[in-house]
PDB file of N, CA and C in Angstrom:
ATOM      1  N   MET A   1      66.802 118.245 127.951  1.00  0.00           N
ATOM      2  CA  MET A   1      67.744 117.481 128.549  1.00  0.00           C
ATOM      3  C   MET A   1      68.308 116.135 128.210  1.00  0.00           C
ATOM      4  N   LYS A   2      67.628 115.558 127.043  1.00  0.00           N
ATOM      5  CA  LYS A   2      68.510 114.360 126.510  1.00  0.00           C
ATOM      6  C   LYS A   2      69.398 115.059 125.394  1.00  0.00           C
ATOM      7  N   TYR A   3      69.278 116.482 124.925  1.00  0.00           N
ATOM      8  CA  TYR A   3      70.613 116.756 124.223  1.00  0.00           C
ATOM      9  C   TYR A   3      71.664 117.176 124.997  1.00  0.00           C
ATOM     10  N   PHE A   4      71.279 117.553 126.020  1.00  0.00           N
ATOM     11  CA  PHE A   4      72.525 118.031 127.401  1.00  0.00           C
ATOM     12  C   PHE A   4      73.179 117.198 127.344  1.00  0.00           C
ATOM     13  N   ILE A   5      72.366 115.718 127.603  1.00  0.00           N
ATOM     14  CA  ILE A   5      73.192 114.598 128.064  1.00  0.00           C
ATOM     15  C   ILE A   5      73.900 114.027 126.929  1.00  0.00           C
ATOM     16  N   ALA A   6      73.266 114.037 125.839  1.00  0.00           N
ATOM     17  CA  ALA A   6      73.928 113.504 124.407  1.00  0.00           C
ATOM     18  C   ALA A   6      75.511 114.290 124.591  1.00  0.00           C
ATOM     19  N   ILE A   7      75.432 115.603 124.283  1.00  0.00           N
ATOM     20  CA  ILE A   7      76.377 116.853 124.169  1.00  0.00           C
ATOM     21  C   ILE A   7      77.413 116.217 125.295  1.00  0.00           C
ATOM     22  N   SER A   8      76.859 116.220 126.597  1.00  0.00           N
ATOM     23  CA  SER A   8      77.880 116.077 127.388  1.00  0.00           C
ATOM     24  C   SER A   8      78.823 114.769 127.325  1.00  0.00           C
ATOM     25  N   PHE A   9      78.108 113.735 126.882  1.00  0.00           N
ATOM     26  CA  PHE A   9      78.720 112.321 126.699  1.00  0.00           C
ATOM     27  C   PHE A   9      79.570 112.481 125.542  1.00  0.00           C
ATOM     28  N   PHE A  10      79.285 113.259 124.447  1.00  0.00           N
ATOM     29  CA  PHE A  10      80.129 113.175 123.151  1.00  0.00           C
ATOM     30  C   PHE A  10      81.637 114.057 123.811  1.00  0.00           C
ATOM     31  N   MET A  11      81.492 115.296 124.516  1.00  0.00           N
ATOM     32  CA  MET A  11      82.351 116.179 125.051  1.00  0.00           C
ATOM     33  C   MET A  11      83.591 115.398 125.803  1.00  0.00           C
ATOM     34  N   PHE A  12      82.795 114.222 126.821  1.00  0.00           N
ATOM     35  CA  PHE A  12      83.925 113.912 127.493  1.00  0.00           C
ATOM     36  C   PHE A  12      84.466 112.390 127.142  1.00  0.00           C
ATOM     37  N   SER A  13      83.688 112.011 125.987  1.00  0.00           N
ATOM     38  CA  SER A  13      84.352 110.755 125.550  1.00  0.00           C
ATOM     39  C   SER A  13      85.218 110.953 124.259  1.00  0.00           C
ATOM     40  N   LEU A  14      85.570 112.336 123.890  1.00  0.00           N
ATOM     41  CA  LEU A  14      86.213 112.677 122.509  1.00  0.00           C
ATOM     42  C   LEU A  14      87.373 112.690 122.909  1.00  0.00           C
ATOM     43  N   PRO A  15      88.132 112.750 124.086  1.00  0.00           N
ATOM     44  CA  PRO A  15      89.637 112.717 124.433  1.00  0.00           C
ATOM     45  C   PRO A  15      89.926 111.180 124.399  1.00  0.00           C
ATOM     46  N   ILE A  16      89.029 110.107 124.586  1.00  0.00           N
ATOM     47  CA  ILE A  16      89.167 108.878 124.699  1.00  0.00           C
ATOM     48  C   ILE A  16      89.639 108.440 123.209  1.00  0.00           C
ATOM     49  N   PHE A  17      88.499 108.559 122.276  1.00  0.00           N
ATOM     50  CA  PHE A  17      88.931 108.387 120.915  1.00  0.00           C
ATOM     51  C   PHE A  17      89.754 108.755 120.163  1.00  0.00           C
ATOM     52  N   SER A  18      90.353 110.094 120.580  1.00  0.00           N
ATOM     53  CA  SER A  18      91.398 110.593 120.051  1.00  0.00           C
ATOM     54  C   SER A  18      92.811 110.020 120.203  1.00  0.00           C
ATOM     55  N   GLN A  19      92.794 109.496 120.969  1.00  0.00           N
ATOM     56  CA  GLN A  19      94.161 108.595 121.777  1.00  0.00           C
ATOM     57  C   GLN A  19      94.451 107.225 121.096  1.00  0.00           C
ATOM     58  N   ILE A  20      93.022 106.890 120.381  1.00  0.00           N
ATOM     59  CA  ILE A  20      93.438 105.514 119.548  1.00  0.00           C
ATOM     60  C   ILE A  20      94.360 106.070 118.014  1.00  0.00           C
ATOM     61  N   GLU A  21      95.517 104.906 118.146  1.00  0.00           N
ATOM     62  CA  GLU A  21      96.377 105.005 117.157  1.00  0.00           C
ATOM     63  C   GLU A  21      96.499 103.733 115.906  1.00  0.00           C
ATOM     64  N   VAL A  22      96.320 103.886 114.855  1.00  0.00           N
ATOM     65  CA  VAL A  22      96.614 102.592 114.236  1.00  0.00           C
ATOM     66  C   VAL A  22      97.748 102.480 113.287  1.00  0.00           C
ATOM     67  N   LYS A  23      98.563 101.512 113.345  1.00  0.00           N
ATOM     68  CA  LYS A  23      99.636 101.668 112.446  1.00  0.00           C
ATOM     69  C   LYS A  23      99.599 100.544 111.513  1.00  0.00           C
ATOM     70  N   LYS A  24     100.084 100.717 110.071  1.00  0.00           N
ATOM     71  CA  LYS A  24     100.241  99.608 109.204  1.00  0.00           C
ATOM     72  C   LYS A  24     101.623  99.157 109.278  1.00  0.00           C
ATOM     73  N   PRO A  25     101.892  97.924 109.126  1.00  0.00           N
ATOM     74  CA  PRO A  25     103.172  97.423 109.080  1.00  0.00           C
ATOM     75  C   PRO A  25     104.108  97.997 107.849  1.00  0.00           C
ATOM     76  N   GLU A  26     105.521  98.313 108.050  1.00  0.00           N
ATOM     77  CA  GLU A  26     106.040  98.678 107.036  1.00  0.00           C
ATOM     78  C   GLU A  26     106.319  98.056 105.724  1.00  0.00           C
ATOM     79  N   SER A  27     105.800  96.494 106.062  1.00  0.00           N
ATOM     80  CA  SER A  27     106.589  95.658 104.871  1.00  0.00           C
ATOM     81  C   SER A  27     105.228  95.626 104.225  1.00  0.00           C
ATOM     82  N   LEU A  28     104.242  96.038 104.526  1.00  0.00           N
ATOM     83  CA  LEU A  28     102.667  95.885 103.761  1.00  0.00           C
ATOM     84  C   LEU A  28     102.791  96.554 102.830  1.00  0.00           C
ATOM     85  N   ASP A  29     103.360  97.822 102.813  1.00  0.00           N
ATOM     86  CA  ASP A  29     103.701  98.919 101.566  1.00  0.00           C
ATOM     87  C   ASP A  29     104.072  97.954 100.308  1.00  0.00           C
ATOM     88  N   GLY A  30     105.284  97.514 100.395  1.00  0.00           N
ATOM     89  CA  GLY A  30     105.822  96.424  99.243  1.00  0.00           C
ATOM     90  C   GLY A  30     105.037  95.834  98.579  1.00  0.00           C
ATOM     91  N   HIS A  31     104.279  95.089  99.582  1.00  0.00           N
ATOM     92  CA  HIS A  31     103.507  93.854  98.767  1.00  0.00           C
ATOM     93  C   HIS A  31     102.068  94.661  98.154  1.00  0.00           C
ATOM     94  N   ILE A  32     101.629  95.382  98.683  1.00  0.00           N
ATOM     95  CA  ILE A  32     100.351  96.430  98.536  1.00  0.00           C
ATOM     96  C   ILE A  32     100.690  97.086  96.591  1.00  0.00           C
ATOM     97  N   TRP A  33     101.967  97.577  96.739  1.00  0.00           N
ATOM     98  CA  TRP A  33     102.677  98.090  95.552  1.00  0.00           C
ATOM     99  C   TRP A  33     102.994  97.274  94.596  1.00  0.00           C
ATOM    100  N   SER A  34     103.429  95.946  94.690  1.00  0.00           N
ATOM    101  CA  SER A  34     103.819  95.195  93.647  1.00  0.00           C
ATOM    102  C   SER A  34     102.629  94.265  93.330  1.00  0.00           C
ATOM    103  N   ARG A  35     101.676  94.205  94.498  1.00  0.00           N
ATOM    104  CA  ARG A  35     100.465  93.451  93.622  1.00  0.00           C
ATOM    105  C   ARG A  35      99.566  94.246  92.855  1.00  0.00           C
ATOM    106  N   THR A  36      99.287  95.468  93.329  1.00  0.00           N
ATOM    107  CA  THR A  36      98.510  96.497  92.071  1.00  0.00           C
ATOM    108  C   THR A  36      99.267  96.817  90.920  1.00  0.00           C
ATOM    109  N   ALA A  37     100.637  97.099  90.975  1.00  0.00           N
ATOM    110  CA  ALA A  37     101.190  97.147  89.900  1.00  0.00           C
ATOM    111  C   ALA A  37     101.057  95.900  88.908  1.00  0.00           C
ATOM    112  N   LYS A  38     101.221  94.724  89.539  1.00  0.00           N
ATOM    113  CA  LYS A  38     101.388  93.665  88.747  1.00  0.00           C
ATOM    114  C   LYS A  38      99.934  93.345  87.757  1.00  0.00           C
ATOM    115  N   LYS A  39      99.007  93.638  88.404  1.00  0.00           N
ATOM    116  CA  LYS A  39      97.606  93.684  87.883  1.00  0.00           C
ATOM    117  C   LYS A  39      97.444  94.544  86.793  1.00  0.00           C
ATOM    118  N   LYS A  40      97.924  95.692  87.053  1.00  0.00           N
ATOM    119  CA  LYS A  40      97.838  96.881  85.906  1.00  0.00           C
ATOM    120  C   LYS A  40      98.393  96.496  84.982  1.00  0.00           C
ATOM    121  N   HIS A  41      99.416  96.090  84.984  1.00  0.00           N
ATOM    122  CA  HIS A  41     100.707  95.902  83.765  1.00  0.00           C
ATOM    123  C   HIS A  41     101.429  94.558  84.274  1.00  0.00           C
ATOM    124  N   PRO A  42     100.560  93.291  83.705  1.00  0.00           N
ATOM    125  CA  PRO A  42     101.379  91.746  84.008  1.00  0.00           C
ATOM    126  C   PRO A  42     102.571  91.891  83.171  1.00  0.00           C
ATOM    127  N   ASP A  43     102.949  92.428  82.086  1.00  0.00           N
ATOM    128  CA  ASP A  43     104.225  92.441  81.660  1.00  0.00           C
ATOM    129  C   ASP A  43     105.326  93.385  82.022  1.00  0.00           C
ATOM    130  N   ALA A  44     104.730  93.826  82.605  1.00  0.00           N
ATOM    131  CA  ALA A  44     105.974  95.115  83.092  1.00  0.00           C
ATOM    132  C   ALA A  44     106.806  94.793  84.175  1.00  0.00           C
ATOM    133  N   LYS A  45     108.101  94.946  84.323  1.00  0.00           N
ATOM    134  CA  LYS A  45     109.420  94.729  84.756  1.00  0.00           C
ATOM    135  C   LYS A  45     109.829  95.715  85.579  1.00  0.00           C
ATOM    136  N   ILE A  46     110.531  95.303  86.644  1.00  0.00           N
ATOM    137  CA  ILE A  46     111.214  96.671  87.656  1.00  0.00           C
ATOM    138  C   ILE A  46     112.671  96.394  87.689  1.00  0.00           C
ATOM    139  N   ASP A  47     113.422  97.614  87.947  1.00  0.00           N
ATOM    140  CA  ASP A  47     114.972  97.262  88.224  1.00  0.00           C
ATOM    141  C   ASP A  47     115.077  96.050  89.583  1.00  0.00           C
ATOM    142  N   GLY A  48     115.819  95.336  89.183  1.00  0.00           N
ATOM    143  CA  GLY A  48     116.138  94.330  90.465  1.00  0.00           C
ATOM    144  C   GLY A  48     117.660  93.747  90.093  1.00  0.00           C
ATOM    145  N   TYR A  49     117.448  92.448  90.796  1.00  0.00           N
ATOM    146  CA  TYR A  49     118.623  91.978  90.880  1.00  0.00           C
ATOM    147  C   TYR A  49     118.479  90.265  90.674  1.00  0.00           C
ATOM    148  N   HIS A  50     119.131  89.538  90.156  1.00  0.00           N
ATOM    149  CA  HIS A  50     119.207  88.086  90.317  1.00  0.00           C
ATOM    150  C   HIS A  50     120.697  87.548  90.097  1.00  0.00           C
ATOM    151  N   ILE A  51     120.963  86.241  90.161  1.00  0.00           N
ATOM    152  CA  ILE A  51     122.212  85.532  90.381  1.00  0.00           C
ATOM    153  C   ILE A  51     122.401  84.701  88.934  1.00  0.00           C
ATOM    154  N   LEU A  52     123.481  84.922  88.410  1.00  0.00           N
ATOM    155  CA  LEU A  52     123.521  84.019  87.052  1.00  0.00           C
ATOM    156  C   LEU A  52     124.758  82.981  87.500  1.00  0.00           C
ATOM    157  N   ILE A  53     124.164  81.598  87.570  1.00  0.00           N
ATOM    158  CA  ILE A  53     124.838  80.630  87.939  1.00  0.00           C
ATOM    159  C   ILE A  53     125.494  79.601  86.747  1.00  0.00           C
ATOM    160  N   PHE A  54     124.616  79.643  85.815  1.00  0.00           N
ATOM    161  CA  PHE A  54     125.412  79.021  84.693  1.00  0.00           C
ATOM    162  C   PHE A  54     125.270  79.697  83.238  1.00  0.00           C
ATOM    163  N   ASN A  55     126.069  79.691  82.672  1.00  0.00           N
ATOM    164  CA  ASN A  55     126.147  80.402  81.062  1.00  0.00           C
ATOM    165  C   ASN A  55     126.894  79.398  80.179  1.00  0.00           C
ATOM    166  N   GLY A  56     126.113  78.800  79.099  1.00  0.00           N
ATOM    167  CA  GLY A  56     126.735  77.875  78.453  1.00  0.00           C
ATOM    168  C   GLY A  56     125.805  77.774  77.124  1.00  0.00           C
ATOM    169  N   ASP A  57     126.474  76.677  75.985  1.00  0.00           N
ATOM    170  CA  ASP A  57     125.405  76.424  74.865  1.00  0.00           C
ATOM    171  C   ASP A  57     124.607  74.969  74.878  1.00  0.00           C
ATOM    172  N   SER A  58     124.737  74.437  76.304  1.00  0.00           N
ATOM    173  CA  SER A  58     123.977  73.202  76.098  1.00  0.00           C
ATOM    174  C   SER A  58     122.412  73.706  76.854  1.00  0.00           C
ATOM    175  N   ARG A  59     121.806  73.196  76.241  1.00  0.00           N
ATOM    176  CA  ARG A  59     120.187  73.678  76.995  1.00  0.00           C
ATOM    177  C   ARG A  59     119.965  72.546  77.988  1.00  0.00           C
ATOM    178  N   ALA A  60     120.690  71.118  78.059  1.00  0.00           N
ATOM    179  CA  ALA A  60     120.114  70.017  78.883  1.00  0.00           C
ATOM    180  C   ALA A  60     121.123  70.444  79.835  1.00  0.00           C
ATOM    181  N   LYS A  61     122.211  71.096  80.055  1.00  0.00           N
ATOM    182  CA  LYS A  61     123.152  71.194  81.337  1.00  0.00           C
ATOM    183  C   LYS A  61     122.451  72.221  81.897  1.00  0.00           C
ATOM    184  N   ALA A  62     121.848  73.211  81.345  1.00  0.00           N
ATOM    185  CA  ALA A  62     121.049  74.454  81.697  1.00  0.00           C
ATOM    186  C   ALA A  62     120.014  73.980  82.677  1.00  0.00           C
ATOM    187  N   GLU A  63     119.195  73.386  82.031  1.00  0.00           N
ATOM    188  CA  GLU A  63     117.976  72.650  82.808  1.00  0.00           C
ATOM    189  C   GLU A  63     118.477  71.532  83.743  1.00  0.00           C
ATOM    190  N   ALA A  64     119.638  71.009  83.858  1.00  0.00           N
ATOM    191  CA  ALA A  64     119.972  70.384  84.797  1.00  0.00           C
ATOM    192  C   ALA A  64     120.491  71.152  86.269  1.00  0.00           C
ATOM    193  N   MET A  65     121.077  72.080  85.908  1.00  0.00           N
ATOM    194  CA  MET A  65     121.626  73.025  86.640  1.00  0.00           C
ATOM    195  C   MET A  65     120.320  73.585  87.356  1.00  0.00           C
ATOM    196  N   LYS A  66     119.335  74.006  86.751  1.00  0.00           N
ATOM    197  CA  LYS A  66     118.226  74.640  87.326  1.00  0.00           C
ATOM    198  C   LYS A  66     117.474  74.015  88.169  1.00  0.00           C
ATOM    199  N   MET A  67     117.350  72.393  87.944  1.00  0.00           N
ATOM    200  CA  MET A  67     116.554  71.301  88.639  1.00  0.00           C
ATOM    201  C   MET A  67     117.635  71.349  89.847  1.00  0.00           C
ATOM    202  N   ASN A  68     118.518  71.236  89.959  1.00  0.00           N
ATOM    203  CA  ASN A  68     119.405  70.948  90.920  1.00  0.00           C
ATOM    204  C   ASN A  68     119.604  71.877  91.936  1.00  0.00           C
ATOM    205  N   PHE A  69     119.444  73.409  91.351  1.00  0.00           N
ATOM    206  CA  PHE A  69     119.364  74.428  92.293  1.00  0.00           C
ATOM    207  C   PHE A  69     118.127  74.279  92.937  1.00  0.00           C
ATOM    208  N   MET A  70     116.767  74.088  92.366  1.00  0.00           N
ATOM    209  CA  MET A  70     115.518  74.129  92.844  1.00  0.00           C
ATOM    210  C   MET A  70     115.477  72.989  93.947  1.00  0.00           C
ATOM    211  N   LEU A  71     116.031  72.350  93.708  1.00  0.00           N
ATOM    212  CA  LEU A  71     115.748  70.815  94.728  1.00  0.00           C
ATOM    213  C   LEU A  71     116.680  71.330  96.131  1.00  0.00           C
ATOM    214  N   GLU A  72     117.817  71.782  95.937  1.00  0.00           N
ATOM    215  CA  GLU A  72     118.560  72.323  96.916  1.00  0.00           C
ATOM    216  C   GLU A  72     118.242  73.515  97.803  1.00  0.00           C
ATOM    217  N   PHE A  73     117.729  74.602  97.187  1.00  0.00           N
ATOM    218  CA  PHE A  73     117.581  75.951  97.740  1.00  0.00           C
ATOM    219  C   PHE A  73     116.116  76.317  97.544  1.00  0.00           C
ATOM    220  N   ALA A  74     115.178  75.745  96.837  1.00  0.00           N
ATOM    221  CA  ALA A  74     113.940  76.008  97.065  1.00  0.00           C
ATOM    222  C   ALA A  74     113.617  77.590  96.585  1.00  0.00           C
ATOM    223  N   ASP A  75     113.975  77.992  95.961  1.00  0.00           N
ATOM    224  CA  ASP A  75     114.118  79.547  95.382  1.00  0.00           C
ATOM    225  C   ASP A  75     113.923  79.408  93.711  1.00  0.00           C
ATOM    226  N   PHE A  76     113.102  80.737  93.352  1.00  0.00           N
ATOM    227  CA  PHE A  76     113.150  80.811  91.933  1.00  0.00           C
ATOM    228  C   PHE A  76     114.268  80.625  91.034  1.00  0.00           C
ATOM    229  N   ALA A  77     113.909  80.245  90.021  1.00  0.00           N
ATOM    230  CA  ALA A  77     115.126  79.666  89.027  1.00  0.00           C
ATOM    231  C   ALA A  77     114.611  79.583  87.258  1.00  0.00           C
ATOM    232  N   GLU A  78     115.372  80.273  86.574  1.00  0.00           N
ATOM    233  CA  GLU A  78     114.912  80.205  85.355  1.00  0.00           C
ATOM    234  C   GLU A  78     115.808  79.874  84.064  1.00  0.00           C
ATOM    235  N   VAL A  79     115.382  79.233  83.054  1.00  0.00           N
ATOM    236  CA  VAL A  79     116.479  79.230  81.873  1.00  0.00           C
ATOM    237  C   VAL A  79     116.250  80.227  80.885  1.00  0.00           C
ATOM    238  N   VAL A  80     117.285  80.950  80.427  1.00  0.00           N
ATOM    239  CA  VAL A  80     117.050  82.030  79.520  1.00  0.00           C
ATOM    240  C   VAL A  80     117.904  81.643  78.214  1.00  0.00           C
ATOM    241  N   TRP A  81     117.232  81.886  76.984  1.00  0.00           N
ATOM    242  CA  TRP A  81     117.996  81.837  75.934  1.00  0.00           C
ATOM    243  C   TRP A  81     118.481  83.148  75.612  1.00  0.00           C
ATOM    244  N   ASP A  82     119.637  83.548  75.701  1.00  0.00           N
ATOM    245  CA  ASP A  82     120.265  84.807  75.130  1.00  0.00           C
ATOM    246  C   ASP A  82     121.265  84.426  74.064  1.00  0.00           C
ATOM    247  N   GLU A  83     121.056  84.671  72.863  1.00  0.00           N
ATOM    248  CA  GLU A  83     121.777  83.904  71.907  1.00  0.00           C
ATOM    249  C   GLU A  83     123.160  84.314  71.986  1.00  0.00           C
ATOM    250  N   PRO A  84     124.091  83.633  71.970  1.00  0.00           N
ATOM    251  CA  PRO A  84     124.158  82.293  71.559  1.00  0.00           C
ATOM    252  C   PRO A  84     124.247  81.410  72.551  1.00  0.00           C
ATOM    253  N   ASN A  85     123.924  81.469  74.022  1.00  0.00           N
ATOM    254  CA  ASN A  85     124.129  80.855  75.267  1.00  0.00           C
ATOM    255  C   ASN A  85     122.507  80.881  75.930  1.00  0.00           C
ATOM    256  N   PHE A  86     122.695  79.446  76.968  1.00  0.00           N
ATOM    257  CA  PHE A  86     121.738  79.532  77.858  1.00  0.00           C
ATOM    258  C   PHE A  86     122.152  80.035  79.027  1.00  0.00           C
ATOM    259  N   LYS A  87     121.497  80.684  79.525  1.00  0.00           N
ATOM    260  CA  LYS A  87     121.554  81.169  81.029  1.00  0.00           C
ATOM    261  C   LYS A  87     120.725  81.001  82.247  1.00  0.00           C
ATOM    262  N   VAL A  88     121.119  80.332  83.169  1.00  0.00           N
ATOM    263  CA  VAL A  88     120.330  80.268  84.298  1.00  0.00           C
ATOM    264  C   VAL A  88     120.473  81.192  85.651  1.00  0.00           C
ATOM    265  N   TYR A  89     119.318  82.015  85.410  1.00  0.00           N
ATOM    266  CA  TYR A  89     119.219  83.070  86.713  1.00  0.00           C
ATOM    267  C   TYR A  89     118.419  82.568  87.382  1.00  0.00           C
ATOM    268  N   VAL A  90     118.939  82.758  89.016  1.00  0.00           N
ATOM    269  CA  VAL A  90     117.960  82.397  90.132  1.00  0.00           C
ATOM    270  C   VAL A  90     117.917  83.487  90.871  1.00  0.00           C
ATOM    271  N   GLY A  91     116.484  83.694  91.876  1.00  0.00           N
ATOM    272  CA  GLY A  91     116.215  84.616  92.572  1.00  0.00           C
ATOM    273  C   GLY A  91     115.776  85.787  91.839  1.00  0.00           C
ATOM    274  N   LEU A  92     114.767  86.526  92.357  1.00  0.00           N
ATOM    275  CA  LEU A  92     114.100  87.708  91.999  1.00  0.00           C
ATOM    276  C   LEU A  92     113.912  88.710  93.340  1.00  0.00           C
ATOM    277  N   PHE A  93     115.138  89.930  93.277  1.00  0.00           N
ATOM    278  CA  PHE A  93     115.258  90.721  94.309  1.00  0.00           C
ATOM    279  C   PHE A  93     115.085  92.231  93.750  1.00  0.00           C
ATOM    280  N   LYS A  94     114.400  92.965  94.759  1.00  0.00           N
ATOM    281  CA  LYS A  94     114.339  94.293  94.231  1.00  0.00           C
ATOM    282  C   LYS A  94     115.781  94.844  94.498  1.00  0.00           C
ATOM    283  N   THR A  95     116.636  94.490  95.761  1.00  0.00           N
ATOM    284  CA  THR A  95     117.614  95.086  96.157  1.00  0.00           C
ATOM    285  C   THR A  95     118.740  94.370  96.127  1.00  0.00           C
ATOM    286  N   ARG A  96     120.237  94.867  96.211  1.00  0.00           N
ATOM    287  CA  ARG A  96     121.080  94.161  96.101  1.00  0.00           C
ATOM    288  C   ARG A  96     121.390  93.313  97.560  1.00  0.00           C
ATOM    289  N   PHE A  97     121.191  94.230  98.421  1.00  0.00           N
ATOM    290  CA  PHE A  97     121.099  93.369  99.880  1.00  0.00           C
ATOM    291  C   PHE A  97     120.504  92.201 100.234  1.00  0.00           C
ATOM    292  N   GLU A  98     119.101  92.076  99.502  1.00  0.00           N
ATOM    293  CA  GLU A  98     118.644  90.937  99.648  1.00  0.00           C
ATOM    294  C   GLU A  98     119.020  89.791  98.907  1.00  0.00           C
ATOM    295  N   CYS A  99     119.740  90.381  97.517  1.00  0.00           N
ATOM    296  CA  CYS A  99     120.086  89.138  96.653  1.00  0.00           C
ATOM    297  C   CYS A  99     121.772  88.775  97.258  1.00  0.00           C
ATOM    298  N   MET A 100     122.310  89.452  97.912  1.00  0.00           N
ATOM    299  CA  MET A 100     123.492  89.014  98.645  1.00  0.00           C
ATOM    300  C   MET A 100     123.367  88.075  99.534  1.00  0.00           C
ATOM    301  N   ARG A 101     122.395  87.696 100.188  1.00  0.00           N
ATOM    302  CA  ARG A 101     121.944  86.942 101.308  1.00  0.00           C
ATOM    303  C   ARG A 101     122.015  85.387 100.627  1.00  0.00           C
ATOM    304  N   LEU A 102     121.095  85.372  99.328  1.00  0.00           N
ATOM    305  CA  LEU A 102     121.497  83.826  98.447  1.00  0.00           C
ATOM    306  C   LEU A 102     122.656  83.837  97.837  1.00  0.00           C
ATOM    307  N   PHE A 103     123.275  84.870  97.830  1.00  0.00           N
ATOM    308  CA  PHE A 103     124.524  84.560  96.726  1.00  0.00           C
ATOM    309  C   PHE A 103     125.599  84.177  97.930  1.00  0.00           C
ATOM    310  N   ASN A 104     125.549  84.507  99.049  1.00  0.00           N
ATOM    311  CA  ASN A 104     126.562  84.119 100.013  1.00  0.00           C
ATOM    312  C   ASN A 104     126.238  82.322 100.550  1.00  0.00           C
ATOM    313  N   GLN A 105     125.006  82.102 100.289  1.00  0.00           N
ATOM    314  CA  GLN A 105     124.551  80.608 100.630  1.00  0.00           C
ATOM    315  C   GLN A 105     125.241  79.867  99.460  1.00  0.00           C
ATOM    316  N   ILE A 106     125.021  80.367  98.304  1.00  0.00           N
ATOM    317  CA  ILE A 106     125.361  79.413  96.717  1.00  0.00           C
ATOM    318  C   ILE A 106     126.597  79.644  96.662  1.00  0.00           C
ATOM    319  N   LYS A 107     127.524  80.827  96.854  1.00  0.00           N
ATOM    320  CA  LYS A 107     128.944  80.770  96.409  1.00  0.00           C
ATOM    321  C   LYS A 107     129.975  79.673  96.151  1.00  0.00           C
ATOM    322  N   ASN A 108     129.731  79.139  97.296  1.00  0.00           N
ATOM    323  CA  ASN A 108     130.613  77.818  97.800  1.00  0.00           C
ATOM    324  C   ASN A 108     130.343  76.695  96.351  1.00  0.00           C
ATOM    325  N   LYS A 109     129.152  76.507  96.094  1.00  0.00           N
ATOM    326  CA  LYS A 109     128.462  75.423  95.344  1.00  0.00           C
ATOM    327  C   LYS A 109     128.471  75.688  93.886  1.00  0.00           C
ATOM    328  N   TYR A 110     128.295  76.965  93.675  1.00  0.00           N
ATOM    329  CA  TYR A 110     128.283  77.317  92.270  1.00  0.00           C
ATOM    330  C   TYR A 110     129.320  78.633  92.414  1.00  0.00           C
ATOM    331  N   SER A 111     130.772  78.131  91.981  1.00  0.00           N
ATOM    332  CA  SER A 111     131.593  79.109  92.058  1.00  0.00           C
ATOM    333  C   SER A 111     131.756  80.168  90.903  1.00  0.00           C
ATOM    334  N   THR A 112     131.149  79.962  89.743  1.00  0.00           N
ATOM    335  CA  THR A 112     131.054  80.610  88.881  1.00  0.00           C
ATOM    336  C   THR A 112     129.712  81.967  89.202  1.00  0.00           C
ATOM    337  N   ALA A 113     129.133  81.894  89.993  1.00  0.00           N
ATOM    338  CA  ALA A 113     127.854  82.415  90.154  1.00  0.00           C
ATOM    339  C   ALA A 113     128.350  84.130  90.355  1.00  0.00           C
ATOM    340  N   ILE A 114     127.596  84.885  89.631  1.00  0.00           N
ATOM    341  CA  ILE A 114     127.609  86.459  89.808  1.00  0.00           C
ATOM    342  C   ILE A 114     126.414  86.819  89.922  1.00  0.00           C
ATOM    343  N   VAL A 115     126.417  88.224  90.636  1.00  0.00           N
ATOM    344  CA  VAL A 115     125.131  89.016  90.852  1.00  0.00           C
ATOM    345  C   VAL A 115     125.094  89.949  89.680  1.00  0.00           C
ATOM    346  N   VAL A 116     123.767  90.160  89.105  1.00  0.00           N
ATOM    347  CA  VAL A 116     123.409  90.657  87.975  1.00  0.00           C
ATOM    348  C   VAL A 116     122.303  91.665  88.127  1.00  0.00           C
ATOM    349  N   LYS A 117     122.460  93.093  87.728  1.00  0.00           N
ATOM    350  CA  LYS A 117     121.511  93.931  87.750  1.00  0.00           C
ATOM    351  C   LYS A 117     120.699  93.979  86.392  1.00  0.00           C
ATOM    352  N   ASP A 118     119.678  93.829  86.458  1.00  0.00           N
ATOM    353  CA  ASP A 118     118.566  93.534  85.272  1.00  0.00           C
ATOM    354  C   ASP A 118     117.171  94.224  85.436  1.00  0.00           C
ATOM    355  N   LYS A 119     116.500  94.060  84.504  1.00  0.00           N
ATOM    356  CA  LYS A 119     115.186  94.402  84.507  1.00  0.00           C
ATOM    357  C   LYS A 119     114.247  93.016  84.774  1.00  0.00           C
ATOM    358  N   ILE A 120     113.738  93.028  86.098  1.00  0.00           N
ATOM    359  CA  ILE A 120     113.091  91.593  86.335  1.00  0.00           C
ATOM    360  C   ILE A 120     111.653  91.749  86.530  1.00  0.00           C
ATOM    361  N   ASN A 121     111.172  90.536  86.297  1.00  0.00           N
ATOM    362  CA  ASN A 121     109.456  90.233  86.895  1.00  0.00           C
ATOM    363  C   ASN A 121     109.203  90.666  88.387  1.00  0.00           C
ATOM    364  N   TYR A 122     108.192  91.184  88.464  1.00  0.00           N
ATOM    365  CA  TYR A 122     107.663  91.396  89.815  1.00  0.00           C
ATOM    366  C   TYR A 122     108.105  90.071  90.552  1.00  0.00           C
ATOM    367  N   PRO A 123     108.541  90.093  91.781  1.00  0.00           N
ATOM    368  CA  PRO A 123     108.705  88.845  92.760  1.00  0.00           C
ATOM    369  C   PRO A 123     107.353  88.522  93.347  1.00  0.00           C
ATOM    370  N   PRO A 124     107.384  87.164  93.372  1.00  0.00           N
ATOM    371  CA  PRO A 124     106.324  86.402  93.864  1.00  0.00           C
ATOM    372  C   PRO A 124     106.128  86.977  95.370  1.00  0.00           C
ATOM    373  N   ILE A 125     104.328  87.130  95.508  1.00  0.00           N
ATOM    374  CA  ILE A 125     104.407  87.724  96.973  1.00  0.00           C
ATOM    375  C   ILE A 125     104.316  86.513  97.797  1.00  0.00           C
ATOM    376  N   ASN A 126     104.818  86.439  99.073  1.00  0.00           N
ATOM    377  CA  ASN A 126     104.514  85.401  99.803  1.00  0.00           C
ATOM    378  C   ASN A 126     103.618  85.485 100.668  1.00  0.00           C
TER     379      ASN A 126
END
């Protein structure tokens, strides 16, 4: 009799459990992928975009441009020595669409800014 009650309970409760559906947010895939890839290969780079706001021979001007940008926009910025010039790149984006949002914000202040496709480091996870 105990087995009959247990089996009947299982058979009647089966449709209830089969209707449960768990969905993972789509944005989570990119975070999981970039985090695991960065742990496995810390020096690896991916195809992406950033914005060039300065290109010149003065390191002091490049550093000043970087600091001004970071104070105003609070976004990623770096100074790169690409012989014979110093370049200031801002932003790390996987897609051009993401990059254009920042570009549209800064194009009036930095009139020489251009979008550059390049190999970039993994963007930080927010």
